[in-house]
Structures are given as structure tokens and as C-alpha cells.
Protein backbone atom coordinates (compact mmCIF):
# COMPACT_ATOMS: atom_id res chain seq x y z
CA MET A 1 154.77 168.59 108.73
CA LYS A 2 155.02 170.11 112.21
CA LYS A 3 156.63 173.52 112.57
CA VAL A 4 159.53 172.33 114.76
CA GLU A 5 160.32 169.46 112.39
CA ARG A 6 160.16 171.79 109.36
CA ILE A 7 162.55 174.30 110.95
CA ASN A 8 165.03 171.51 111.79
CA ILE A 9 164.95 170.29 108.19
CA ILE A 10 165.36 173.83 106.83
CA MET A 11 168.41 174.31 109.11
CA ARG A 12 169.99 171.16 107.68
CA TYR A 13 169.15 172.36 104.17
CA ILE A 14 170.87 175.69 104.87
CA ASN A 15 173.90 174.03 106.48
CA ASN A 16 174.61 172.26 103.18
CA ARG A 17 174.57 175.45 101.09
CA SER A 18 176.76 178.52 100.96
CA ARG A 19 173.84 180.74 99.91
CA PHE A 20 170.03 180.51 99.61
CA THR A 21 167.02 182.70 98.86
CA ILE A 22 163.49 182.99 100.22
CA SER A 23 162.12 181.71 96.89
CA GLU A 24 164.26 178.55 97.15
CA ILE A 25 162.97 177.86 100.66
CA MET A 26 159.37 178.42 99.51
CA GLN A 27 159.76 176.04 96.58
CA GLU A 28 161.74 173.35 98.42
CA PHE A 29 159.37 173.12 101.38
CA ASN A 30 156.11 174.18 99.69
CA ILE A 31 155.43 177.04 102.11
CA SER A 32 154.30 180.64 101.67
CA ARG A 33 156.66 183.62 101.62
CA SER A 34 155.45 184.83 105.02
CA THR A 35 155.99 181.38 106.55
CA ALA A 36 159.50 181.17 105.06
CA ILE A 37 160.44 184.61 106.46
CA ARG A 38 158.97 183.70 109.85
CA ASP A 39 160.96 180.43 109.97
CA ILE A 40 164.21 182.22 109.05
CA LYS A 41 163.66 184.78 111.80
CA GLU A 42 163.12 181.96 114.33
CA MET A 43 166.36 180.28 113.20
CA GLU A 44 168.21 183.57 113.67
CA ALA A 45 166.71 183.86 117.15
CA MET A 46 168.00 180.34 117.91
CA GLY A 47 171.51 181.53 117.07
CA MET A 48 171.97 180.53 113.45
CA PRO A 49 174.51 183.04 112.04
CA LEU A 50 172.70 184.22 108.89
CA VAL A 51 173.66 187.32 106.93
CA ALA A 52 171.15 188.97 104.57
CA GLU A 53 172.29 190.18 101.14
CA VAL A 54 170.73 193.40 99.83
CA GLY A 55 169.68 193.72 96.19
CA ARG A 56 167.28 192.41 93.55
CA ASP A 57 168.60 188.86 93.78
CA GLY A 58 169.50 189.16 97.42
CA GLY A 59 169.38 186.17 99.69
CA TYR A 60 171.09 184.85 102.79
CA PHE A 61 174.36 183.13 103.58
CA VAL A 62 175.85 181.58 106.70
CA MET A 63 178.50 183.76 108.34
CA ASN A 64 182.01 182.39 107.78
CA ASN A 65 183.88 180.90 110.75
CA ALA A 66 180.70 180.90 112.81
CA VAL A 67 179.62 177.95 114.94
CA LEU A 68 176.32 176.53 113.71
CA PRO A 69 173.68 175.27 116.15
CA ALA A 70 173.92 171.57 116.93
CA ILE A 71 171.71 169.38 114.75
CA ARG A 72 169.44 167.27 116.93
CA PHE A 73 167.78 164.01 115.98
CA THR A 74 164.16 163.32 116.80
CA ALA A 75 163.26 160.19 118.81
CA THR A 76 161.91 158.57 115.63
CA GLU A 77 165.07 159.39 113.66
CA ILE A 78 167.28 157.89 116.38
CA LYS A 79 165.23 154.67 116.38
CA ALA A 80 165.49 154.52 112.56
CA LEU A 81 169.29 154.92 112.73
CA PHE A 82 169.65 152.33 115.48
CA VAL A 83 167.45 149.72 113.78
CA ALA A 84 169.30 150.26 110.48
CA PHE A 85 172.58 149.79 112.35
CA MET A 86 171.30 146.57 113.94
CA ALA A 87 170.32 145.25 110.50
CA THR A 88 173.93 145.46 109.31
CA ARG A 89 175.04 142.53 111.46
CA ASN A 90 176.66 139.72 109.50
CA GLN A 91 176.65 141.77 106.29
CA GLN A 92 180.44 141.93 105.86
CA LEU A 93 180.38 145.71 105.62
CA PRO A 94 183.52 147.86 105.58
CA PHE A 95 184.44 150.28 108.38
CA LEU A 96 182.51 148.32 111.04
CA LYS A 97 185.40 146.81 112.99
CA SER A 98 184.35 148.55 116.20
CA ARG A 99 180.62 147.93 116.27
CA GLN A 100 180.36 148.19 120.07
CA SER A 101 182.05 151.60 120.08
CA LEU A 102 179.72 152.89 117.36
CA ALA A 103 176.65 151.61 119.22
CA GLU A 104 177.74 153.31 122.44
CA LYS A 105 178.33 156.63 120.66
CA LEU A 106 174.93 156.40 118.99
CA LEU A 107 173.30 155.79 122.36
CA GLY A 108 175.21 158.74 123.75
CA LEU A 109 173.45 161.08 121.31
CA ILE A 110 170.08 160.71 123.03
CA PRO A 111 168.63 161.32 126.52
CA GLU A 112 168.61 158.48 129.05
CA ASN A 113 164.82 158.07 128.90
CA GLN A 114 165.14 157.16 125.19
CA GLN A 115 168.09 154.81 125.66
CA ASP A 116 165.89 152.19 127.34
CA ASP A 117 163.75 151.94 124.20
CA LEU A 118 166.79 151.21 122.05
CA VAL A 119 168.15 148.60 124.47
CA PHE A 120 164.73 146.90 124.39
CA LEU A 121 164.66 146.97 120.58
CA ASN A 122 168.12 145.42 120.54
CA GLN A 123 166.79 142.52 122.62
CA ILE A 124 163.64 141.71 120.65
CA LEU A 125 164.50 142.51 117.02
CA LEU A 126 166.35 139.75 115.18
CA PHE A 127 167.45 140.11 111.57
CA GLU A 128 168.57 137.49 109.07
CA GLY A 129 171.97 136.16 110.08
CA THR A 130 171.71 137.37 113.68
CA ASN A 131 172.84 134.94 116.38
CA PRO A 132 169.68 134.64 118.58
CA HIS A 133 171.71 133.50 121.59
CA ASN A 134 174.08 136.46 121.38
CA PRO A 135 172.76 139.23 119.11
CA ASP A 136 175.82 141.41 119.77
CA LEU A 137 178.23 138.70 118.59
CA LEU A 138 180.55 139.77 115.76
CA ASP A 139 181.98 136.58 114.26
CA LEU A 140 185.15 136.55 112.21
CA SER A 141 183.00 135.54 109.25
CA ASP A 142 181.17 138.86 109.63
CA LEU A 143 184.30 140.82 108.78
CA PRO A 144 184.75 141.86 105.13
CA HIS A 145 187.77 141.04 102.99
CA PRO A 146 190.69 143.23 104.17
CA MET A 147 191.08 144.70 100.65
CA LEU A 148 187.52 146.09 100.63
CA GLU A 149 188.31 149.18 102.68
CA GLN A 150 191.47 149.89 100.67
CA LEU A 151 189.45 149.58 97.47
CA ILE A 152 186.83 152.05 98.72
CA GLN A 153 189.45 154.52 99.92
CA THR A 154 191.13 154.42 96.49
CA LEU A 155 187.78 154.62 94.72
CA LEU A 156 186.94 157.83 96.60
CA LEU A 157 189.99 159.38 94.94
CA ASP A 158 189.56 157.97 91.43
CA ARG A 159 187.35 155.51 89.51
CA TYR A 160 190.17 154.65 87.06
CA LEU A 161 191.89 151.77 88.84
CA SER A 162 194.68 149.27 88.24
CA MET A 163 193.84 146.03 90.06
CA GLU A 164 196.05 143.07 90.80
CA VAL A 165 193.94 139.91 91.04
CA LEU A 166 194.83 136.33 91.98
CA GLU A 167 193.39 133.85 89.46
CA ASP A 168 194.25 130.12 89.46
CA GLY A 169 197.26 130.82 91.65
CA LYS A 170 198.62 133.48 89.30
CA SER A 171 198.62 137.26 89.57
CA LYS A 172 196.84 139.17 86.79
CA SER A 173 196.45 142.91 86.22
CA TYR A 174 193.10 144.56 85.37
CA PRO A 175 192.97 148.22 84.30
CA ILE A 176 189.33 149.20 84.82
CA TYR A 177 186.93 152.07 85.22
CA LEU A 178 184.82 151.05 88.21
CA LEU A 179 181.09 151.16 87.48
CA HIS A 180 179.65 149.57 90.60
CA LEU A 181 180.79 147.90 93.80
CA TYR A 182 178.02 145.65 95.10
CA ARG A 183 177.32 142.73 97.42
CA GLU A 184 175.37 139.71 96.20
CA LYS A 185 175.00 136.27 97.83
CA SER A 186 177.45 137.24 100.60
CA LEU A 187 180.13 138.20 98.05
CA TRP A 188 181.46 141.67 97.23
CA LEU A 189 181.82 142.12 93.47
CA ILE A 190 183.47 144.80 91.34
CA GLU A 191 181.75 145.66 88.07
CA GLY A 192 184.13 147.57 85.88
CA PHE A 193 184.84 148.46 82.25
CA HIS A 194 188.14 146.88 81.13
CA LEU A 195 190.10 149.79 79.63
CA GLU A 196 192.22 147.61 77.33
CA GLU A 197 189.80 144.87 76.27
CA GLU A 198 186.90 147.37 76.24
CA LYS A 199 184.33 145.09 77.85
CA ILE A 200 182.47 144.71 81.16
CA GLN A 201 184.49 142.80 83.75
CA LEU A 202 183.27 141.27 87.04
CA ILE A 203 185.93 140.77 89.72
CA PRO A 204 185.32 139.25 93.19
CA VAL A 205 186.86 141.43 95.92
CA ASP A 206 188.06 138.20 97.58
CA HIS A 207 190.49 137.74 94.65
CA LEU A 208 191.91 141.25 94.96
CA ILE A 209 195.61 141.53 95.96
CA ASP A 210 196.31 145.21 95.36
CA VAL A 211 194.63 148.30 93.93
CA LYS A 212 195.94 151.69 92.86
CA THR A 213 194.95 154.52 90.52
CA TYR A 214 195.47 153.92 86.79
CA ALA A 215 198.00 155.97 84.82
CA VAL A 216 196.37 159.15 83.50
CA GLN A 217 198.03 159.00 80.06
CA LYS A 218 196.49 155.57 79.32
CA ARG A 219 192.89 156.53 80.05
CA MET A 220 189.96 157.04 77.70
CA SER A 221 187.41 159.66 78.68
CA GLU A 222 184.34 158.75 80.72
CA LYS A 223 182.16 159.77 77.78
CA GLN A 224 184.02 157.39 75.44
CA LEU A 225 183.89 154.37 77.73
CA LEU A 226 180.22 154.87 78.65
CA GLU A 227 179.41 155.07 74.94
CA LYS A 228 181.31 151.82 74.30
CA LYS A 229 179.50 150.21 77.25
CA LYS A 230 176.15 151.30 75.82
CA GLN A 231 177.01 149.79 72.43
CA GLN A 232 177.74 146.43 74.09
CA GLN A 233 174.48 146.21 76.04
CA GLU A 234 172.56 143.08 75.17
CA VAL A 235 168.96 143.08 73.96
CA ASP A 236 166.47 141.87 76.58
CA ASN A 237 165.41 138.27 75.89
CA LEU A 238 163.31 137.64 79.02
CA VAL A 239 160.05 139.54 79.59
CA LEU A 240 157.65 138.60 82.40
CA GLU A 241 154.53 140.10 83.91
CA LEU A 242 154.44 139.77 87.69
CA GLY A 243 151.33 139.71 89.86
CA PRO A 244 151.16 140.81 93.53
CA LYS A 245 152.44 137.51 95.00
CA ALA A 246 155.41 137.41 92.61
CA ILE A 247 156.20 141.07 93.41
CA VAL A 248 156.37 140.17 97.11
CA GLN A 249 158.84 137.40 96.27
CA PHE A 250 160.83 139.80 94.05
CA LYS A 251 161.19 142.23 96.95
CA LYS A 252 162.54 139.44 99.17
CA TYR A 253 165.37 138.73 96.75
CA HIS A 254 166.33 139.64 93.20
CA PRO A 255 169.58 139.89 91.22
CA LEU A 256 170.96 143.43 91.30
CA THR A 257 170.90 143.64 87.51
CA VAL A 258 167.12 143.06 87.39
CA SER A 259 164.50 145.75 88.03
CA LEU A 260 160.72 146.11 87.82
CA SER A 261 158.50 148.56 85.95
CA TYR A 262 155.17 148.85 87.73
CA THR A 263 152.12 148.94 85.46
CA ASN A 264 149.54 150.40 87.85
CA PRO A 265 149.53 153.08 90.58
CA TYR A 266 149.02 150.47 93.32
CA GLN A 267 152.20 148.58 92.36
CA THR A 268 150.34 145.25 92.23
CA THR A 269 151.44 144.36 88.68
CA ALA A 270 154.77 144.90 87.01
CA ILE A 271 156.85 144.07 83.95
CA LEU A 272 160.32 142.51 84.30
CA GLN A 273 162.71 142.81 81.35
CA THR A 274 166.31 141.60 81.35
CA PHE A 275 168.99 139.79 79.37
CA VAL A 276 169.95 136.21 80.21
CA ASP A 277 173.32 134.95 78.94
CA LEU A 278 172.46 131.48 77.61
CA ASN A 279 176.15 130.64 77.12
CA HIS A 280 176.87 131.06 80.83
CA LYS A 281 175.49 127.77 82.22
CA GLU A 282 175.92 128.67 85.89
CA ALA A 283 174.20 132.04 85.47
CA LEU A 284 171.41 130.38 83.48
CA GLN A 285 170.76 127.81 86.23
CA GLU A 286 170.74 130.54 88.88
CA MET A 287 168.17 132.51 86.87
CA ILE A 288 165.99 129.39 86.51
CA ASN A 289 166.17 128.84 90.27
CA TRP A 290 165.18 132.45 90.88
CA LEU A 291 162.23 132.34 88.46
CA LEU A 292 160.90 129.26 90.27
CA PHE A 293 161.37 131.17 93.54
CA LEU A 294 159.02 133.90 92.21
CA GLY A 295 156.19 131.35 92.20
CA GLU A 296 153.14 130.84 90.00
CA ASP A 297 151.96 134.47 89.87
CA VAL A 298 154.06 135.09 86.74
CA GLU A 299 152.96 135.38 83.12
CA ILE A 300 155.61 134.71 80.46
CA LYS A 301 155.67 137.31 77.67
CA GLN A 302 159.05 136.35 76.18
CA MET A 303 161.53 133.66 77.23
CA PRO A 304 164.41 131.86 75.47
CA GLU A 305 163.56 128.29 74.54
CA GLN A 306 166.60 127.03 76.42
CA MET A 307 165.38 128.61 79.65
CA PHE A 308 161.80 127.39 79.17
CA THR A 309 163.09 123.83 78.64
CA GLY A 310 165.26 124.09 81.77
CA ILE A 311 162.28 125.15 83.90
CA GLN A 312 160.12 122.35 82.47
CA GLU A 313 162.82 119.75 83.20
CA ARG A 314 163.12 121.03 86.78
CA VAL A 315 159.34 120.80 87.32
CA ASP A 316 159.19 117.30 85.78
CA MET A 317 162.03 116.17 88.05
CA TRP A 318 160.15 117.36 91.13
CA SER A 319 156.94 115.69 89.93
CA ASN A 320 158.68 112.31 89.61
CA GLU A 321 160.20 112.41 93.09
């Protein structure tokens, strides 16, 4: 790591802490004591308001009410931010109603000679879902459900939530502890632990009518509900060994509940273990479709008979066409 880059990272590290020591800097950045002291002196010379503490466990802290030096992005970091921002098009993400304004402010962070590079990248890089004739287009379909931002704002205050959901034209209340909020197949889904029925509940954000914090007196502790959740976890009934081609397919798309365990340092083979609910016909068919998507570079270690039969029927159907 170059000296200038290291000092910038150390400054950000210090900005996020009320106090630090030389030993912490040495350990965090794998540098010698003399190098750490030299870097701190350079930061002080740049105007960082550090105050040294005297004593056996003495360290440094940032002077209260002092203005810290501006954090500057490198040219590579700006490109990474801009490309990541471009990749969010048509992802139905919250808080992106004013994409043009955000892009202009991001461009404003960098010198003019670097702005041309970003404009050029905007013209030639196309991501999945981007309109090639108008990459800057923000369609109405790109906007998330209006309840998504309200849900996130409430979630930042408390994970114990009372949700009002529209199901079959009727309003229903769900008291849940929110475990995850995720997006899959263009849908935002809430995974929560139902506090009354004591089971995992999946709720589409599109069905959400209202959300508010759940009454404190009716709650069980986080420790209790996580223990109950653990007791309800199903035993894995699908075990596969994936080769390099299947791993490439896995990285292109996989259900969020499925993960890999690599079996060699080069990450060219891996074990996949998960539970498939055989009583949920739609989920079973989706899993069969996904396994076929992985391709032939898969070795079956364990698979439910019902799933194996479904795959065989699908292959036979294709062979007869």
C-alpha cells in the first residue's frame, strides 16, 4: 500500500473512533511503531486536531469541536462509486427518487479532468435492465413500493414491528421481529419471526399497508425468539457438489437462502447444502428449475426422491420435444 493511500485510510479509521493508540494503528495496518508515529505526525502537520494522552496506556484522541480535514476520494474510488451507482438502475431501490441530482453531486466531488472519464463510462457500460437507447431513463417501474422507505425508516428505530398487510382483499395484522429485508426476483420480501404464532413468516412488501413499532409489553426477548427460530430450522435434505462451471452459474443467480462451502483454496469445487420444502409445490418447481440452470457440472450427494423424479420428468419432456 502506498504511503499517501495508507495515511488517508488511517485518517478515516481515526475519524470513526473517539480514542486510539499507537499499538492499535500498528496492528490494524501491519506497520512498525516508527512508521505509525511518523504517519501520525504527518496527519498532525496536515491539520488533523489530535491530542496526545500521557501515561502508561496513553494514546490519542481527536480534539472536540474541531473541524477535521476533508476526506478525499482517489480516482479509482470515485470510479468504483460511480459504476456501483450506475448498476442500481432498474433495481427498485429505496431513496433513489432523485437519481439525476445524486449523479450530479457525485460528479461534483471530483476534478473536471476526471469527470470526462465518468461520462464516458456512463455511455459505454450497460447493466442488466438498462435501457440501451436511454441509459439515464428512470421508468415508473423502476420505483420501489411506496411503503418500502417507511418500512426501512421504522426498522432503523426498532426491529419489533406491527404490520398491516392486505391479503385476498382483507386487512391482516402481523406482529413480527424482522430478521431480513431482501429483494429476490424483482420483489422485496420481509422475513420475520411471527411473535404470536412463533414461526418464520415471509411477507411481500407490495402487500404492506402500514407499519409501526410493536408494543413493548407484548414482546419476547431477542434471545428467546432466536432460540425458538433455531429449534424450528429444518434439516438439510439436498446436498450437491459443484464443479467450476456450476459455480460460475451459481454466482450468476442463486436463492438468497442458499450458500456454498468451497472445498479447495482455488474455489473451483464447493458443497451446497440446503433444505427444500417438498410440501410447497411452487418452491419445489423453482428449485428444480434452478438446479437445471446450474448445468451438468453437479454431483448429487443427497436429494429427495420427489425432487429427483421432478428433474427426470423435466429432462424426459425436453427429450421428447
